[in-house]
Amino acid sequence: MVIQQVKFKSALSGAEARLMMEQQAPHFRNVPGLVQKYFAHEEATGELCGIYLFDSDESLAMFRESELARTIPAVYKAETTRVETYELLFPLHADRGVPTRLAT
């Protein structure tokens, strides 16, 4: 498995960014090989973050070439973007599975 983190500053307000995240979420539900995506906000810097868990490097590569991936900067009016990719070594709680919904 592979983790990709995309972190960026946005020209959107916090409320606009949250609304856009909620509107974009359904588009990610059928991405091949995407096990989970977390939509996040770093309060200290105001940056937005997408954390993706893919089943393979190949699935991540296919996503990066997709129209959905290409539209992300424009949708969020991203001003600066930083992308990091990690190989998942192992989870702490392998028996718990991957959460599908967090409390709001």
Protein backbone atom coordinates (compact mmCIF):
# COMPACT_ATOMS: atom_id res chain seq x y z
CA MET A 1 0.00 0.00 0.00
CA VAL A 2 1.04 3.56 -0.57
CA ILE A 3 0.11 6.84 1.10
CA GLN A 4 0.05 10.15 -0.72
CA GLN A 5 -0.29 13.43 1.14
CA VAL A 6 -1.17 16.59 -0.78
CA LYS A 7 -0.95 19.79 1.27
CA PHE A 8 -1.73 23.25 -0.02
CA LYS A 9 -2.71 26.83 0.69
CA SER A 10 -6.05 27.82 -0.78
CA ALA A 11 -7.56 31.15 -1.78
CA LEU A 12 -10.89 29.83 -0.48
CA SER A 13 -12.18 30.72 2.98
CA GLY A 14 -12.32 27.92 5.55
CA ALA A 15 -16.08 27.52 5.10
CA GLU A 16 -15.77 27.53 1.29
CA ALA A 17 -13.01 24.93 1.43
CA ARG A 18 -15.04 22.65 3.72
CA LEU A 19 -18.06 22.91 1.42
CA MET A 20 -15.90 22.14 -1.62
CA MET A 21 -14.42 19.09 0.15
CA GLU A 22 -17.91 17.80 0.91
CA GLN A 23 -18.98 18.35 -2.71
CA GLN A 24 -15.87 16.64 -4.09
CA ALA A 25 -15.99 13.58 -1.80
CA PRO A 26 -18.41 11.56 -3.99
CA HIS A 27 -16.05 11.88 -6.99
CA PHE A 28 -13.39 9.90 -5.10
CA ARG A 29 -15.63 6.98 -4.11
CA ASN A 30 -15.03 5.05 -7.35
CA VAL A 31 -11.34 5.78 -7.92
CA PRO A 32 -9.75 2.39 -8.71
CA GLY A 33 -7.41 1.24 -5.94
CA LEU A 34 -8.23 4.11 -3.56
CA VAL A 35 -8.77 2.45 -0.20
CA GLN A 36 -9.43 5.65 1.77
CA LYS A 37 -9.10 9.40 1.51
CA TYR A 38 -8.98 11.81 4.43
CA PHE A 39 -9.89 15.47 3.92
CA ALA A 40 -8.02 17.58 6.49
CA HIS A 41 -7.27 21.13 7.57
CA GLU A 42 -4.23 22.34 9.51
CA GLU A 43 -5.55 25.07 11.78
CA ALA A 44 -2.16 26.61 12.60
CA THR A 45 -1.27 27.32 8.95
CA GLY A 46 -4.70 27.28 7.33
CA GLU A 47 -3.47 24.70 4.83
CA LEU A 48 -5.73 22.00 3.43
CA CYS A 49 -4.62 18.42 3.08
CA GLY A 50 -5.73 15.31 1.26
CA ILE A 51 -4.35 12.05 2.59
CA TYR A 52 -4.85 9.10 0.25
CA LEU A 53 -4.35 5.39 0.89
CA PHE A 54 -3.91 3.41 -2.34
CA ASP A 55 -3.64 -0.35 -2.72
CA SER A 56 -0.57 -0.07 -5.00
CA ASP A 57 1.87 2.25 -6.71
CA GLU A 58 0.12 1.45 -9.99
CA SER A 59 -3.26 2.65 -8.67
CA LEU A 60 -1.67 5.87 -7.42
CA ALA A 61 0.02 6.41 -10.79
CA MET A 62 -3.29 5.91 -12.62
CA PHE A 63 -5.00 8.38 -10.29
CA ARG A 64 -2.30 11.00 -10.84
CA GLU A 65 -3.00 10.82 -14.59
CA SER A 66 -6.77 11.15 -14.12
CA GLU A 67 -8.93 14.16 -14.90
CA LEU A 68 -10.05 14.19 -11.25
CA ALA A 69 -6.46 14.59 -10.01
CA ARG A 70 -5.70 17.29 -12.58
CA THR A 71 -8.68 19.40 -11.47
CA ILE A 72 -7.84 19.46 -7.74
CA PRO A 73 -5.64 22.62 -7.79
CA ALA A 74 -8.29 24.63 -9.67
CA VAL A 75 -11.21 23.35 -7.57
CA TYR A 76 -9.53 24.42 -4.34
CA LYS A 77 -7.82 27.51 -5.79
CA ALA A 78 -4.51 26.10 -4.58
CA GLU A 79 -1.74 28.67 -4.33
CA THR A 80 1.07 26.36 -3.28
CA THR A 81 1.10 22.57 -3.32
CA ARG A 82 3.35 20.01 -1.68
CA VAL A 83 3.00 16.30 -2.50
CA GLU A 84 4.63 13.53 -0.45
CA THR A 85 4.38 9.80 -1.06
CA TYR A 86 5.13 7.04 1.43
CA GLU A 87 5.24 3.26 1.31
CA LEU A 88 2.98 1.92 4.06
CA LEU A 89 5.09 -0.45 6.15
CA PHE A 90 2.38 -1.65 8.55
CA PRO A 91 -0.58 -0.30 10.56
CA LEU A 92 -0.58 -0.20 14.34
CA HIS A 93 -4.04 -1.79 14.61
CA ALA A 94 -4.25 -4.15 11.65
CA ASP A 95 -7.34 -5.83 13.11
CA ARG A 96 -9.37 -2.61 13.15
CA GLY A 97 -9.54 -2.07 9.42
CA VAL A 98 -9.72 1.34 7.79
CA PRO A 99 -12.25 3.83 9.17
CA THR A 100 -14.79 4.99 6.62
CA ARG A 101 -16.28 7.92 8.55
CA LEU A 102 -14.99 10.16 11.29
CA ALA A 103 -17.08 12.07 13.80
CA THR A 104 -17.79 15.64 12.75
